[in-house]
Protein backbone atom coordinates (compact mmCIF):
# COMPACT_ATOMS: atom_id res chain seq x y z
CA MET A 1 75.09 92.64 99.32
CA SER A 2 77.05 93.93 102.29
CA LEU A 3 79.04 97.14 102.10
CA THR A 4 82.20 95.11 102.66
CA ASN A 5 81.41 93.09 99.51
CA ILE A 6 80.65 96.24 97.51
CA ILE A 7 84.02 97.73 98.50
CA GLU A 8 85.80 94.48 97.61
CA ASP A 9 84.07 94.28 94.22
CA LYS A 10 84.82 97.88 93.27
CA LEU A 11 88.47 97.72 94.30
CA THR A 12 88.99 94.36 92.60
CA THR A 13 87.42 95.57 89.36
CA THR A 14 89.48 98.76 89.30
CA PHE A 15 92.88 97.67 90.61
CA SER A 16 93.11 93.90 89.96
CA PRO A 17 94.97 93.53 93.25
CA ASP A 18 97.48 90.84 94.10
CA TYR A 19 96.13 91.08 97.64
CA LEU A 20 93.03 92.74 99.07
CA LEU A 21 91.63 92.70 102.56
CA VAL A 22 88.65 94.83 103.52
CA GLU A 23 87.99 94.81 107.25
CA ASN A 24 84.86 96.19 108.84
CA GLU A 25 86.20 97.79 112.02
CA SER A 26 82.88 99.29 113.09
CA HIS A 27 82.79 96.98 116.12
CA MET A 28 85.74 98.97 117.50
CA HIS A 29 83.62 102.15 117.63
CA ASN A 30 80.54 103.38 119.41
CA VAL A 31 78.04 102.41 116.72
CA PRO A 32 75.09 100.01 116.70
CA ALA A 33 75.92 96.30 116.45
CA GLY A 34 76.16 95.11 112.86
CA SER A 35 77.09 98.55 111.50
CA GLU A 36 79.24 98.98 108.42
CA MET A 37 80.73 102.44 108.83
CA HIS A 38 84.44 102.10 109.68
CA PHE A 39 86.72 100.21 107.31
CA LYS A 40 90.37 99.30 106.89
CA VAL A 41 91.55 98.46 103.37
CA GLN A 42 94.82 96.68 102.62
CA ILE A 43 95.45 96.58 98.89
CA VAL A 44 98.47 95.52 96.84
CA SER A 45 98.44 96.31 93.14
CA ASP A 46 100.74 97.04 90.21
CA SER A 47 98.56 100.15 89.77
CA PHE A 48 100.44 101.71 92.68
CA ASP A 49 103.94 101.27 91.25
CA GLY A 50 105.68 104.66 91.24
CA GLU A 51 102.62 106.47 92.62
CA SER A 52 102.81 108.71 95.68
CA LEU A 53 100.84 107.85 98.80
CA ILE A 54 98.40 110.70 98.18
CA LYS A 55 97.74 109.55 94.60
CA ARG A 56 97.06 106.03 95.82
CA HIS A 57 94.62 107.27 98.44
CA ARG A 58 92.92 109.56 95.94
CA ALA A 59 92.53 106.67 93.51
CA VAL A 60 90.91 104.47 96.16
CA ASN A 61 88.71 107.33 97.36
CA LYS A 62 87.57 108.02 93.79
CA VAL A 63 86.49 104.40 93.32
CA LEU A 64 84.55 104.54 96.59
CA ASP A 65 83.16 108.07 96.16
CA GLN A 66 79.51 106.99 96.51
CA GLU A 67 80.18 104.99 99.64
CA LEU A 68 82.28 107.78 101.17
CA ALA A 69 79.43 110.23 100.51
CA GLY A 70 77.03 107.95 102.34
CA PRO A 71 77.48 104.99 104.61
CA ILE A 72 81.26 105.03 105.15
CA HIS A 73 82.23 107.22 108.08
CA ALA A 74 85.93 106.30 108.23
CA LEU A 75 88.30 104.58 105.82
CA SER A 76 91.87 103.56 106.61
CA ILE A 77 93.83 102.88 103.40
CA HIS A 78 97.03 100.86 103.19
CA ALA A 79 97.92 100.78 99.48
CA TYR A 80 101.18 99.19 98.34
CA SER A 81 103.01 98.09 95.24
CA LYS A 82 103.96 94.41 95.18
CA MET A 83 107.59 95.24 95.97
CA GLU A 84 106.62 97.41 98.96
CA TRP A 85 104.30 94.70 100.25
CA ASP A 86 107.05 92.11 100.01
CA LYS A 87 109.47 94.40 101.92
CA ARG A 88 106.85 94.70 104.68
CA ASN A 89 106.42 90.91 104.73
CA GLY A 90 102.71 91.49 104.27
CA GLN A 91 102.41 93.30 107.60
CA VAL A 92 100.22 96.33 108.33
CA SER A 93 99.89 98.08 111.67
CA ASP A 94 96.81 97.41 113.76
CA SER A 95 94.27 100.19 113.88
CA PRO A 96 94.38 102.21 117.10
CA PRO A 97 91.51 101.85 119.56
CA CYS A 98 88.67 104.32 119.27
CA HIS A 99 88.93 107.17 121.77
CA GLY A 100 85.65 108.88 120.94
CA GLY A 101 81.99 108.20 121.26
CA GLY A 102 82.06 106.84 124.79
CA LYS A 103 83.81 103.50 124.19
């Protein structure tokens, strides 16, 4: 099972999201082809209603603690309540280009 699938499974089991997108952005960095090290997570869940941004990030980080201790090098988290997601029209900013590692 790919790391992307593991992340999706863990977040789905924990948060029962209305929307979840896990993107492997490793190709944007100076890593070997096929790497799974840099990820962007967009997640919309009732679990985030009334929670601060830091609590949302901590909750996601806790679920992925094993992966963050090992294969994940970078994780961008975009965690929203359903109402916040609707106000954003389902839009999240693109990740910036990598400026390190010679790319």
